[in-house]
Amino acid sequence: ELEAIAVQWNINDLDFYLSLRDWFRGRRLAEQDLEERRYQAQGAAA
């Protein structure tokens, strides 16, 4: 997925690749954290 983005944007730069990888990881972690908070909020509301 990351390689496809770099190829599409014609960017051959390791720093760009690493930054993009970190951004995607951060998004996934944020989504997991949000799901956990929703689950906890449902339990607290019950």
N, C-alpha and C. Protein backbone atom coordinates (compact mmCIF):
# COMPACT_ATOMS: atom_id res chain seq x y z
N GLU A 1 0.83 -1.19 0.00
CA GLU A 1 0.00 0.00 0.00
C GLU A 1 0.88 1.25 0.00
N LEU A 2 1.85 1.29 0.89
CA LEU A 2 2.72 2.46 0.94
C LEU A 2 3.57 2.59 -0.32
N GLU A 3 4.05 1.47 -0.81
CA GLU A 3 4.86 1.50 -2.03
C GLU A 3 4.03 1.98 -3.21
N ALA A 4 2.77 1.60 -3.26
CA ALA A 4 1.90 2.03 -4.36
C ALA A 4 1.71 3.54 -4.32
N ILE A 5 1.57 4.11 -3.14
CA ILE A 5 1.42 5.56 -3.01
C ILE A 5 2.69 6.26 -3.47
N ALA A 6 3.85 5.76 -3.02
CA ALA A 6 5.12 6.37 -3.41
C ALA A 6 5.33 6.29 -4.92
N VAL A 7 4.98 5.17 -5.53
CA VAL A 7 5.12 5.02 -6.99
C VAL A 7 4.16 5.96 -7.71
N GLN A 8 2.92 6.04 -7.23
CA GLN A 8 1.92 6.89 -7.87
C GLN A 8 2.35 8.36 -7.83
N TRP A 9 2.92 8.77 -6.71
CA TRP A 9 3.36 10.16 -6.58
C TRP A 9 4.77 10.38 -7.11
N ASN A 10 5.38 9.30 -7.64
CA ASN A 10 6.72 9.36 -8.21
C ASN A 10 7.73 9.89 -7.19
N ILE A 11 7.67 9.35 -5.98
CA ILE A 11 8.57 9.78 -4.92
C ILE A 11 9.42 8.58 -4.51
N ASN A 12 10.71 8.72 -4.66
CA ASN A 12 11.64 7.66 -4.30
C ASN A 12 12.53 8.18 -3.17
N ASP A 13 11.93 8.31 -1.99
CA ASP A 13 12.62 8.92 -0.85
C ASP A 13 12.32 8.11 0.41
N LEU A 14 13.35 7.63 1.06
CA LEU A 14 13.16 6.80 2.25
C LEU A 14 12.48 7.59 3.36
N ASP A 15 12.84 8.84 3.55
CA ASP A 15 12.22 9.65 4.61
C ASP A 15 10.72 9.81 4.37
N PHE A 16 10.33 10.03 3.13
CA PHE A 16 8.91 10.14 2.80
C PHE A 16 8.20 8.84 3.12
N TYR A 17 8.80 7.72 2.71
CA TYR A 17 8.22 6.41 2.94
C TYR A 17 8.04 6.16 4.44
N LEU A 18 9.06 6.47 5.23
CA LEU A 18 8.97 6.25 6.68
C LEU A 18 7.93 7.16 7.32
N SER A 19 7.86 8.40 6.87
CA SER A 19 6.85 9.32 7.41
C SER A 19 5.44 8.85 7.08
N LEU A 20 5.26 8.39 5.86
CA LEU A 20 3.96 7.88 5.45
C LEU A 20 3.58 6.64 6.25
N ARG A 21 4.53 5.76 6.48
CA ARG A 21 4.29 4.56 7.28
C ARG A 21 3.90 4.94 8.71
N ASP A 22 4.60 5.90 9.29
CA ASP A 22 4.28 6.35 10.64
C ASP A 22 2.90 6.97 10.71
N TRP A 23 2.52 7.73 9.66
CA TRP A 23 1.20 8.36 9.64
C TRP A 23 0.12 7.29 9.63
N PHE A 24 0.28 6.26 8.78
CA PHE A 24 -0.71 5.19 8.73
C PHE A 24 -0.79 4.44 10.05
N ARG A 25 0.34 4.19 10.67
CA ARG A 25 0.34 3.52 11.98
C ARG A 25 -0.39 4.36 13.01
N GLY A 26 -0.14 5.66 13.01
CA GLY A 26 -0.81 6.55 13.95
C GLY A 26 -2.31 6.55 13.76
N ARG A 27 -2.75 6.53 12.51
CA ARG A 27 -4.19 6.49 12.22
C ARG A 27 -4.81 5.21 12.75
N ARG A 28 -4.13 4.09 12.54
CA ARG A 28 -4.67 2.81 13.01
C ARG A 28 -4.76 2.79 14.53
N LEU A 29 -3.74 3.30 15.19
CA LEU A 29 -3.76 3.33 16.66
C LEU A 29 -4.86 4.24 17.16
N ALA A 30 -5.07 5.37 16.50
CA ALA A 30 -6.13 6.29 16.90
C ALA A 30 -7.50 5.65 16.72
N GLU A 31 -7.68 4.91 15.63
CA GLU A 31 -8.96 4.24 15.40
C GLU A 31 -9.22 3.17 16.46
N GLN A 32 -8.18 2.42 16.82
CA GLN A 32 -8.33 1.40 17.86
C GLN A 32 -8.66 2.04 19.20
N ASP A 33 -8.02 3.15 19.50
CA ASP A 33 -8.27 3.87 20.75
C ASP A 33 -9.71 4.38 20.78
N LEU A 34 -10.19 4.89 19.66
CA LEU A 34 -11.56 5.39 19.59
C LEU A 34 -12.56 4.26 19.81
N GLU A 35 -12.32 3.12 19.21
CA GLU A 35 -13.22 1.97 19.41
C GLU A 35 -13.23 1.55 20.87
N GLU A 36 -12.08 1.55 21.51
CA GLU A 36 -12.00 1.17 22.93
C GLU A 36 -12.79 2.16 23.79
N ARG A 37 -12.66 3.44 23.49
CA ARG A 37 -13.41 4.46 24.25
C ARG A 37 -14.91 4.30 24.06
N ARG A 38 -15.33 4.00 22.84
CA ARG A 38 -16.77 3.78 22.59
C ARG A 38 -17.27 2.59 23.39
N TYR A 39 -16.49 1.53 23.41
CA TYR A 39 -16.87 0.33 24.16
C TYR A 39 -16.98 0.64 25.65
N GLN A 40 -16.02 1.38 26.18
CA GLN A 40 -16.05 1.74 27.60
C GLN A 40 -17.22 2.67 27.91
N ALA A 41 -17.53 3.57 27.00
CA ALA A 41 -18.64 4.49 27.21
C ALA A 41 -19.97 3.75 27.24
N GLN A 42 -20.12 2.73 26.41
CA GLN A 42 -21.34 1.94 26.41
C GLN A 42 -21.49 1.21 27.73
N GLY A 43 -20.40 0.72 28.27
CA GLY A 43 -20.44 0.02 29.55
C GLY A 43 -20.76 0.97 30.69
N ALA A 44 -20.25 2.18 30.63
CA ALA A 44 -20.50 3.16 31.68
C ALA A 44 -21.94 3.66 31.63
N ALA A 45 -22.51 3.72 30.44
CA ALA A 45 -23.89 4.21 30.29
C ALA A 45 -24.91 3.17 30.76
N ALA A 46 -24.52 1.93 30.77
CA ALA A 46 -25.46 0.86 31.15
C ALA A 46 -25.66 0.75 32.64
